[in-house]
Amino acid sequence: MRTTTRLTLAYAALAAVDTALAGSRRAGAHRARRVTKPLLMPVLAASLATDERATGSPLRATTLAAQACGWAGDVWLLREDPRSFAAGASSFGVGHLAYLRGLRAQRDRSTTLPSRPTTRAIAGTWALSAPVVAAAAARRDRRLGAVVLGYSGLLSTLAASAQHLDPSLPRRARLLTAAGASLFLTSDAVLGARTFVLPELLGTTPHPRMESAVMATYTAAQLLLARGAAAASAPPSRND
């Protein structure tokens, strides 16, 4: 078994354990996550760095940079105070900029991003939902409103850009990257609802299983983006 495969399997196992711990009410579950969650991105990054098939990928360097920022965000978000949330979101924001840099360099130049139906759909969803979550966040802590609004806009741009890649890239790379960015957006939507909106509506903290949903979609998103980056160096097949 190749080192890359072992590391990918190790990441999947860590993600499954951390997802289960995130939704657990058992004593000690949060302490255990101080071990599992910070290990996620280093293991995933190692799987990409050791993948010989990714050596010539134009998305390899930016994806590794984004994973480093994701690690910092994971560590910050182990705490639930507003300051840590802002620091974690900022770390992920820098990571999304790294992802965007790679995707923009590989964009489909035959059309513009705003002209695509998927872009308009994502922008419309952001315009309807982001102000609601940002307002709820601002009521929790005034500084968080702008952070949530900016972060969600950046992530929406990432999701739209991932749907707009150069057709010369292998089809597998394009599909994996688009799916990963979309799942990242889904994860953020669940996180925003769980953290800011639902506590106001319900008057209580949502069930921990929502945190499991956040981690399941987030870890899957990072894996898909990493596999998409690795596949971007492969020669196109006849079906591309």
C-alpha atoms as a PDB file:
ATOM      1  CA  MET A   1       0.000   0.000   0.000  1.00  0.00           C
ATOM      2  CA  ARG A   2       1.381   3.412  -0.992  1.00  0.00           C
ATOM      3  CA  THR A   3       2.175   6.016   1.656  1.00  0.00           C
ATOM      4  CA  THR A   4      -0.381   8.382   0.118  1.00  0.00           C
ATOM      5  CA  THR A   5      -3.103   5.748   0.388  1.00  0.00           C
ATOM      6  CA  ARG A   6      -2.238   5.008   4.012  1.00  0.00           C
ATOM      7  CA  LEU A   7      -2.357   8.701   4.873  1.00  0.00           C
ATOM      8  CA  THR A   8      -5.660   9.162   3.067  1.00  0.00           C
ATOM      9  CA  LEU A   9      -7.164   6.245   4.978  1.00  0.00           C
ATOM     10  CA  ALA A  10      -5.765   7.652   8.223  1.00  0.00           C
ATOM     11  CA  TYR A  11      -7.419  10.989   7.428  1.00  0.00           C
ATOM     12  CA  ALA A  12     -10.741   9.284   6.738  1.00  0.00           C
ATOM     13  CA  ALA A  13     -10.516   7.433  10.058  1.00  0.00           C
ATOM     14  CA  LEU A  14      -9.621  10.615  11.953  1.00  0.00           C
ATOM     15  CA  ALA A  15     -12.489  12.456  10.271  1.00  0.00           C
ATOM     16  CA  ALA A  16     -14.960   9.724  11.250  1.00  0.00           C
ATOM     17  CA  VAL A  17     -13.782   9.722  14.871  1.00  0.00           C
ATOM     18  CA  ASP A  18     -13.795  13.509  15.155  1.00  0.00           C
ATOM     19  CA  THR A  19     -17.250  13.711  13.561  1.00  0.00           C
ATOM     20  CA  ALA A  20     -18.589  11.232  16.125  1.00  0.00           C
ATOM     21  CA  LEU A  21     -16.919  13.074  18.997  1.00  0.00           C
ATOM     22  CA  ALA A  22     -18.316  16.405  17.796  1.00  0.00           C
ATOM     23  CA  GLY A  23     -21.874  15.120  18.207  1.00  0.00           C
ATOM     24  CA  SER A  24     -21.281  13.365  21.520  1.00  0.00           C
ATOM     25  CA  ARG A  25     -22.454  14.589  24.900  1.00  0.00           C
ATOM     26  CA  ARG A  26     -20.187  12.180  26.752  1.00  0.00           C
ATOM     27  CA  ALA A  27     -17.741  13.600  29.249  1.00  0.00           C
ATOM     28  CA  GLY A  28     -14.292  13.862  27.738  1.00  0.00           C
ATOM     29  CA  ALA A  29     -15.457  14.059  24.110  1.00  0.00           C
ATOM     30  CA  HIS A  30     -14.349  17.669  23.773  1.00  0.00           C
ATOM     31  CA  ARG A  31     -10.961  16.906  25.332  1.00  0.00           C
ATOM     32  CA  ALA A  32     -10.492  14.041  22.890  1.00  0.00           C
ATOM     33  CA  ARG A  33     -11.137  16.434  20.004  1.00  0.00           C
ATOM     34  CA  ARG A  34      -8.095  18.435  21.063  1.00  0.00           C
ATOM     35  CA  VAL A  35      -6.160  15.471  19.681  1.00  0.00           C
ATOM     36  CA  THR A  36      -8.259  14.402  16.687  1.00  0.00           C
ATOM     37  CA  LYS A  37      -9.209  17.757  15.171  1.00  0.00           C
ATOM     38  CA  PRO A  38      -5.707  19.332  15.007  1.00  0.00           C
ATOM     39  CA  LEU A  39      -4.429  16.166  13.286  1.00  0.00           C
ATOM     40  CA  LEU A  40      -6.872  16.352  10.387  1.00  0.00           C
ATOM     41  CA  MET A  41      -5.193  18.880   8.101  1.00  0.00           C
ATOM     42  CA  PRO A  42      -1.566  17.763   8.708  1.00  0.00           C
ATOM     43  CA  VAL A  43      -2.480  14.181   7.755  1.00  0.00           C
ATOM     44  CA  LEU A  44      -4.453  15.299   4.690  1.00  0.00           C
ATOM     45  CA  ALA A  45      -1.651  17.652   3.620  1.00  0.00           C
ATOM     46  CA  ALA A  46       0.868  14.838   4.003  1.00  0.00           C
ATOM     47  CA  SER A  47      -1.254  12.613   1.760  1.00  0.00           C
ATOM     48  CA  LEU A  48      -1.209  15.279  -0.958  1.00  0.00           C
ATOM     49  CA  ALA A  49       2.468  16.126  -0.501  1.00  0.00           C
ATOM     50  CA  THR A  50       3.502  12.479  -0.871  1.00  0.00           C
ATOM     51  CA  ASP A  51       1.260  11.796  -3.871  1.00  0.00           C
ATOM     52  CA  GLU A  52       3.539  11.391  -6.887  1.00  0.00           C
ATOM     53  CA  ARG A  53       0.579  11.878  -9.211  1.00  0.00           C
ATOM     54  CA  ALA A  54       0.128  15.422  -7.829  1.00  0.00           C
ATOM     55  CA  THR A  55       3.701  16.532  -8.482  1.00  0.00           C
ATOM     56  CA  GLY A  56       2.831  18.483 -11.619  1.00  0.00           C
ATOM     57  CA  SER A  57      -0.569  19.717 -10.454  1.00  0.00           C
ATOM     58  CA  PRO A  58      -1.166  23.472 -10.858  1.00  0.00           C
ATOM     59  CA  LEU A  59      -3.390  23.319  -7.742  1.00  0.00           C
ATOM     60  CA  ARG A  60      -0.937  21.499  -5.459  1.00  0.00           C
ATOM     61  CA  ALA A  61       0.871  24.460  -3.846  1.00  0.00           C
ATOM     62  CA  THR A  62      -2.245  26.565  -3.238  1.00  0.00           C
ATOM     63  CA  THR A  63      -4.112  23.580  -1.818  1.00  0.00           C
ATOM     64  CA  LEU A  64      -1.293  22.840   0.641  1.00  0.00           C
ATOM     65  CA  ALA A  65      -1.293  26.501   1.705  1.00  0.00           C
ATOM     66  CA  ALA A  66      -5.067  26.396   2.220  1.00  0.00           C
ATOM     67  CA  GLN A  67      -4.738  23.237   4.312  1.00  0.00           C
ATOM     68  CA  ALA A  68      -2.187  24.945   6.564  1.00  0.00           C
ATOM     69  CA  CYS A  69      -4.668  27.771   7.146  1.00  0.00           C
ATOM     70  CA  GLY A  70      -7.402  25.194   7.722  1.00  0.00           C
ATOM     71  CA  TRP A  71      -5.295  23.650  10.480  1.00  0.00           C
ATOM     72  CA  ALA A  72      -5.057  27.027  12.225  1.00  0.00           C
ATOM     73  CA  GLY A  73      -8.793  27.501  11.852  1.00  0.00           C
ATOM     74  CA  ASP A  74      -9.512  24.057  13.272  1.00  0.00           C
ATOM     75  CA  VAL A  75      -7.412  24.821  16.346  1.00  0.00           C
ATOM     76  CA  TRP A  76      -9.064  28.193  16.945  1.00  0.00           C
ATOM     77  CA  LEU A  77     -12.569  26.776  16.573  1.00  0.00           C
ATOM     78  CA  LEU A  78     -11.999  24.246  19.331  1.00  0.00           C
ATOM     79  CA  ARG A  79     -12.931  27.209  21.511  1.00  0.00           C
ATOM     80  CA  GLU A  80     -16.407  28.692  21.283  1.00  0.00           C
ATOM     81  CA  ASP A  81     -15.883  32.283  22.434  1.00  0.00           C
ATOM     82  CA  PRO A  82     -16.460  35.109  19.892  1.00  0.00           C
ATOM     83  CA  ARG A  83     -12.778  36.057  19.679  1.00  0.00           C
ATOM     84  CA  SER A  84     -11.745  32.503  18.814  1.00  0.00           C
ATOM     85  CA  PHE A  85     -14.564  32.234  16.281  1.00  0.00           C
ATOM     86  CA  ALA A  86     -13.354  35.410  14.561  1.00  0.00           C
ATOM     87  CA  ALA A  87      -9.753  34.140  14.541  1.00  0.00           C
ATOM     88  CA  GLY A  88     -10.826  30.776  13.149  1.00  0.00           C
ATOM     89  CA  ALA A  89     -12.964  32.351  10.432  1.00  0.00           C
ATOM     90  CA  SER A  90     -10.079  34.659   9.509  1.00  0.00           C
ATOM     91  CA  SER A  91      -7.705  31.696   9.219  1.00  0.00           C
ATOM     92  CA  PHE A  92     -10.120  29.869   6.966  1.00  0.00           C
ATOM     93  CA  GLY A  93     -10.631  33.069   4.995  1.00  0.00           C
ATOM     94  CA  VAL A  94      -6.918  33.236   4.207  1.00  0.00           C
ATOM     95  CA  GLY A  95      -7.106  29.574   3.215  1.00  0.00           C
ATOM     96  CA  HIS A  96      -9.996  30.303   0.853  1.00  0.00           C
ATOM     97  CA  LEU A  97      -7.912  33.053  -0.736  1.00  0.00           C
ATOM     98  CA  ALA A  98      -5.207  30.447  -1.366  1.00  0.00           C
ATOM     99  CA  TYR A  99      -7.738  28.089  -2.934  1.00  0.00           C
ATOM    100  CA  LEU A 100      -9.085  30.968  -5.021  1.00  0.00           C
ATOM    101  CA  ARG A 101      -5.646  31.889  -6.279  1.00  0.00           C
ATOM    102  CA  GLY A 102      -5.199  28.396  -7.674  1.00  0.00           C
ATOM    103  CA  LEU A 103      -8.689  28.213  -9.144  1.00  0.00           C
ATOM    104  CA  ARG A 104      -8.508  31.648 -10.738  1.00  0.00           C
ATOM    105  CA  ALA A 105      -5.301  30.673 -12.528  1.00  0.00           C
ATOM    106  CA  GLN A 106      -7.114  27.639 -13.962  1.00  0.00           C
ATOM    107  CA  ARG A 107     -10.418  29.324 -14.778  1.00  0.00           C
ATOM    108  CA  ASP A 108     -12.398  28.848 -17.955  1.00  0.00           C
ATOM    109  CA  ARG A 109     -11.503  31.919 -20.008  1.00  0.00           C
ATOM    110  CA  SER A 110     -14.208  31.359 -22.618  1.00  0.00           C
ATOM    111  CA  THR A 111     -16.908  32.886 -20.374  1.00  0.00           C
ATOM    112  CA  THR A 112     -17.010  35.294 -17.454  1.00  0.00           C
ATOM    113  CA  LEU A 113     -17.833  34.122 -13.954  1.00  0.00           C
ATOM    114  CA  PRO A 114     -20.891  36.407 -13.446  1.00  0.00           C
ATOM    115  CA  SER A 115     -22.470  35.133 -16.676  1.00  0.00           C
ATOM    116  CA  ARG A 116     -22.789  31.552 -15.463  1.00  0.00           C
ATOM    117  CA  PRO A 117     -26.128  30.339 -13.995  1.00  0.00           C
ATOM    118  CA  THR A 118     -24.393  28.599 -11.074  1.00  0.00           C
ATOM    119  CA  THR A 119     -22.725  31.865 -10.101  1.00  0.00           C
ATOM    120  CA  ARG A 120     -26.030  33.713 -10.112  1.00  0.00           C
ATOM    121  CA  ALA A 121     -27.650  30.960  -8.042  1.00  0.00           C
ATOM    122  CA  ILE A 122     -24.862  31.033  -5.460  1.00  0.00           C
ATOM    123  CA  ALA A 123     -24.899  34.849  -5.348  1.00  0.00           C
ATOM    124  CA  GLY A 124     -28.666  34.904  -4.879  1.00  0.00           C
ATOM    125  CA  THR A 125     -28.506  32.372  -2.057  1.00  0.00           C
ATOM    126  CA  TRP A 126     -25.759  34.416  -0.376  1.00  0.00           C
ATOM    127  CA  ALA A 127     -27.762  37.652  -0.695  1.00  0.00           C
ATOM    128  CA  LEU A 128     -30.803  36.047   0.933  1.00  0.00           C
ATOM    129  CA  SER A 129     -29.080  34.139   3.743  1.00  0.00           C
ATOM    130  CA  ALA A 130     -25.797  35.844   4.649  1.00  0.00           C
ATOM    131  CA  PRO A 131     -27.297  39.090   6.034  1.00  0.00           C
ATOM    132  CA  VAL A 132     -29.611  37.063   8.298  1.00  0.00           C
ATOM    133  CA  VAL A 133     -26.730  35.048   9.779  1.00  0.00           C
ATOM    134  CA  ALA A 134     -24.498  38.132  10.003  1.00  0.00           C
ATOM    135  CA  ALA A 135     -27.194  40.073  11.869  1.00  0.00           C
ATOM    136  CA  ALA A 136     -27.634  37.206  14.335  1.00  0.00           C
ATOM    137  CA  ALA A 137     -23.858  37.061  14.801  1.00  0.00           C
ATOM    138  CA  ALA A 138     -23.692  40.813  15.381  1.00  0.00           C
ATOM    139  CA  ARG A 139     -26.287  40.530  18.129  1.00  0.00           C
ATOM    140  CA  ARG A 140     -23.973  38.018  19.808  1.00  0.00           C
ATOM    141  CA  ASP A 141     -20.910  40.218  19.346  1.00  0.00           C
ATOM    142  CA  ARG A 142     -20.885  43.345  17.185  1.00  0.00           C
ATOM    143  CA  ARG A 143     -17.506  42.503  15.647  1.00  0.00           C
ATOM    144  CA  LEU A 144     -18.724  39.155  14.354  1.00  0.00           C
ATOM    145  CA  GLY A 145     -21.288  40.568  11.926  1.00  0.00           C
ATOM    146  CA  ALA A 146     -18.726  41.862   9.449  1.00  0.00           C
ATOM    147  CA  VAL A 147     -16.563  38.748   9.875  1.00  0.00           C
ATOM    148  CA  VAL A 148     -19.457  36.409   9.042  1.00  0.00           C
ATOM    149  CA  LEU A 149     -20.606  38.525   6.097  1.00  0.00           C
ATOM    150  CA  GLY A 150     -17.125  38.755   4.578  1.00  0.00           C
ATOM    151  CA  TYR A 151     -16.284  35.122   5.192  1.00  0.00           C
ATOM    152  CA  SER A 152     -19.508  33.820   3.664  1.00  0.00           C
ATOM    153  CA  GLY A 153     -18.997  36.052   0.629  1.00  0.00           C
ATOM    154  CA  LEU A 154     -15.488  34.729   0.156  1.00  0.00           C
ATOM    155  CA  LEU A 155     -16.613  31.116   0.470  1.00  0.00           C
ATOM    156  CA  SER A 156     -19.454  31.718  -1.994  1.00  0.00           C
ATOM    157  CA  THR A 157     -16.923  33.129  -4.455  1.00  0.00           C
ATOM    158  CA  LEU A 158     -14.814  30.009  -3.971  1.00  0.00           C
ATOM    159  CA  ALA A 159     -17.800  27.752  -4.653  1.00  0.00           C
ATOM    160  CA  ALA A 160     -18.681  29.682  -7.810  1.00  0.00           C
ATOM    161  CA  SER A 161     -15.067  29.690  -9.052  1.00  0.00           C
ATOM    162  CA  ALA A 162     -14.817  25.930  -8.564  1.00  0.00           C
ATOM    163  CA  GLN A 163     -17.670  25.522 -11.059  1.00  0.00           C
ATOM    164  CA  HIS A 164     -15.797  27.609 -13.639  1.00  0.00           C
ATOM    165  CA  LEU A 165     -12.587  25.680 -14.322  1.00  0.00           C
ATOM    166  CA  ASP A 166     -10.758  25.335 -17.619  1.00  0.00           C
ATOM    167  CA  PRO A 167     -12.192  22.417 -19.653  1.00  0.00           C
ATOM    168  CA  SER A 168      -8.613  21.390 -20.471  1.00  0.00           C
ATOM    169  CA  LEU A 169      -8.214  20.195 -16.881  1.00  0.00           C
ATOM    170  CA  PRO A 170      -9.081  16.517 -16.366  1.00  0.00           C
ATOM    171  CA  ARG A 171     -12.800  16.034 -15.853  1.00  0.00           C
ATOM    172  CA  ARG A 172     -12.181  14.147 -12.611  1.00  0.00           C
ATOM    173  CA  ALA A 173     -10.259  17.113 -11.178  1.00  0.00           C
ATOM    174  CA  ARG A 174     -13.011  19.531 -12.136  1.00  0.00           C
ATOM    175  CA  LEU A 175     -15.767  17.382 -10.635  1.00  0.00           C
ATOM    176  CA  LEU A 176     -13.922  16.711  -7.379  1.00  0.00           C
ATOM    177  CA  THR A 177     -13.013  20.371  -6.931  1.00  0.00           C
ATOM    178  CA  ALA A 178     -16.537  21.603  -7.634  1.00  0.00           C
ATOM    179  CA  ALA A 179     -18.017  19.044  -5.228  1.00  0.00           C
ATOM    180  CA  GLY A 180     -15.495  19.936  -2.527  1.00  0.00           C
ATOM    181  CA  ALA A 181     -16.145  23.666  -2.725  1.00  0.00           C
ATOM    182  CA  SER A 182     -19.915  23.112  -2.692  1.00  0.00           C
ATOM    183  CA  LEU A 183     -19.648  20.906   0.395  1.00  0.00           C
ATOM    184  CA  PHE A 184     -17.500  23.563   2.083  1.00  0.00           C
ATOM    185  CA  LEU A 185     -20.290  26.069   1.481  1.00  0.00           C
ATOM    186  CA  THR A 186     -22.838  23.616   2.873  1.00  0.00           C
ATOM    187  CA  SER A 187     -20.724  23.053   5.971  1.00  0.00           C
ATOM    188  CA  ASP A 188     -20.459  26.784   6.584  1.00  0.00           C
ATOM    189  CA  ALA A 189     -24.230  27.208   6.198  1.00  0.00           C
ATOM    190  CA  VAL A 190     -24.878  24.530   8.838  1.00  0.00           C
ATOM    191  CA  LEU A 191     -22.245  26.064  11.131  1.00  0.00           C
ATOM    192  CA  GLY A 192     -23.767  29.535  10.826  1.00  0.00           C
ATOM    193  CA  ALA A 193     -27.257  28.244  11.545  1.00  0.00           C
ATOM    194  CA  ARG A 194     -26.092  26.158  14.507  1.00  0.00           C
ATOM    195  CA  THR A 195     -23.973  28.892  16.059  1.00  0.00           C
ATOM    196  CA  PHE A 196     -26.057  32.030  15.529  1.00  0.00           C
ATOM    197  CA  VAL A 197     -29.524  31.548  14.075  1.00  0.00           C
ATOM    198  CA  LEU A 198     -30.995  28.468  15.763  1.00  0.00           C
ATOM    199  CA  PRO A 199     -30.059  29.453  19.341  1.00  0.00           C
ATOM    200  CA  GLU A 200     -32.166  32.606  18.866  1.00  0.00           C
ATOM    201  CA  LEU A 201     -35.074  30.731  17.328  1.00  0.00           C
ATOM    202  CA  LEU A 202     -35.027  27.815  19.757  1.00  0.00           C
ATOM    203  CA  GLY A 203     -33.928  29.674  22.846  1.00  0.00           C
ATOM    204  CA  THR A 204     -31.417  26.935  23.543  1.00  0.00           C
ATOM    205  CA  THR A 205     -28.259  25.385  22.115  1.00  0.00           C
ATOM    206  CA  PRO A 206     -29.002  23.048  19.168  1.00  0.00           C
ATOM    207  CA  HIS A 207     -28.332  19.336  19.502  1.00  0.00           C
ATOM    208  CA  PRO A 208     -24.634  18.413  19.222  1.00  0.00           C
ATOM    209  CA  ARG A 209     -25.446  16.281  16.179  1.00  0.00           C
ATOM    210  CA  MET A 210     -25.454  19.501  14.186  1.00  0.00           C
ATOM    211  CA  GLU A 211     -21.763  19.843  14.964  1.00  0.00           C
ATOM    212  CA  SER A 212     -21.324  16.329  13.599  1.00  0.00           C
ATOM    213  CA  ALA A 213     -23.020  17.490  10.386  1.00  0.00           C
ATOM    214  CA  VAL A 214     -20.607  20.437  10.218  1.00  0.00           C
ATOM    215  CA  MET A 215     -17.573  18.193  10.609  1.00  0.00           C
ATOM    216  CA  ALA A 216     -18.827  15.504   8.222  1.00  0.00           C
ATOM    217  CA  THR A 217     -19.348  18.003   5.407  1.00  0.00           C
ATOM    218  CA  TYR A 218     -16.184  19.949   6.225  1.00  0.00           C
ATOM    219  CA  THR A 219     -13.838  16.963   6.299  1.00  0.00           C
ATOM    220  CA  ALA A 220     -15.385  15.553   3.124  1.00  0.00           C
ATOM    221  CA  ALA A 221     -14.971  18.948   1.441  1.00  0.00           C
ATOM    222  CA  GLN A 222     -11.291  19.161   2.304  1.00  0.00           C
ATOM    223  CA  LEU A 223     -10.702  15.617   1.079  1.00  0.00           C
ATOM    224  CA  LEU A 224     -12.460  16.271  -2.232  1.00  0.00           C
ATOM    225  CA  LEU A 225     -10.485  19.475  -2.782  1.00  0.00           C
ATOM    226  CA  ALA A 226      -7.232  17.632  -2.061  1.00  0.00           C
ATOM    227  CA  ARG A 227      -8.116  14.787  -4.424  1.00  0.00           C
ATOM    228  CA  GLY A 228      -9.162  17.311  -7.044  1.00  0.00           C
ATOM    229  CA  ALA A 229      -5.798  19.032  -6.763  1.00  0.00           C
ATOM    230  CA  ALA A 230      -3.998  15.708  -7.139  1.00  0.00           C
ATOM    231  CA  ALA A 231      -6.083  14.767 -10.177  1.00  0.00           C
ATOM    232  CA  ALA A 232      -5.379  18.087 -11.892  1.00  0.00           C
ATOM    233  CA  SER A 233      -1.958  16.850 -12.990  1.00  0.00           C
ATOM    234  CA  ALA A 234      -3.282  13.746 -14.743  1.00  0.00           C
ATOM    235  CA  PRO A 235      -3.636  13.812 -18.539  1.00  0.00           C
ATOM    236  CA  PRO A 236      -7.215  14.240 -19.743  1.00  0.00           C
ATOM    237  CA  SER A 237      -9.052  11.070 -20.725  1.00  0.00           C
ATOM    238  CA  ARG A 238     -10.943  10.615 -23.972  1.00  0.00           C
ATOM    239  CA  ASN A 239     -14.139  11.583 -22.190  1.00  0.00           C
ATOM    240  CA  ASP A 240     -12.800  14.998 -21.085  1.00  0.00           C
END
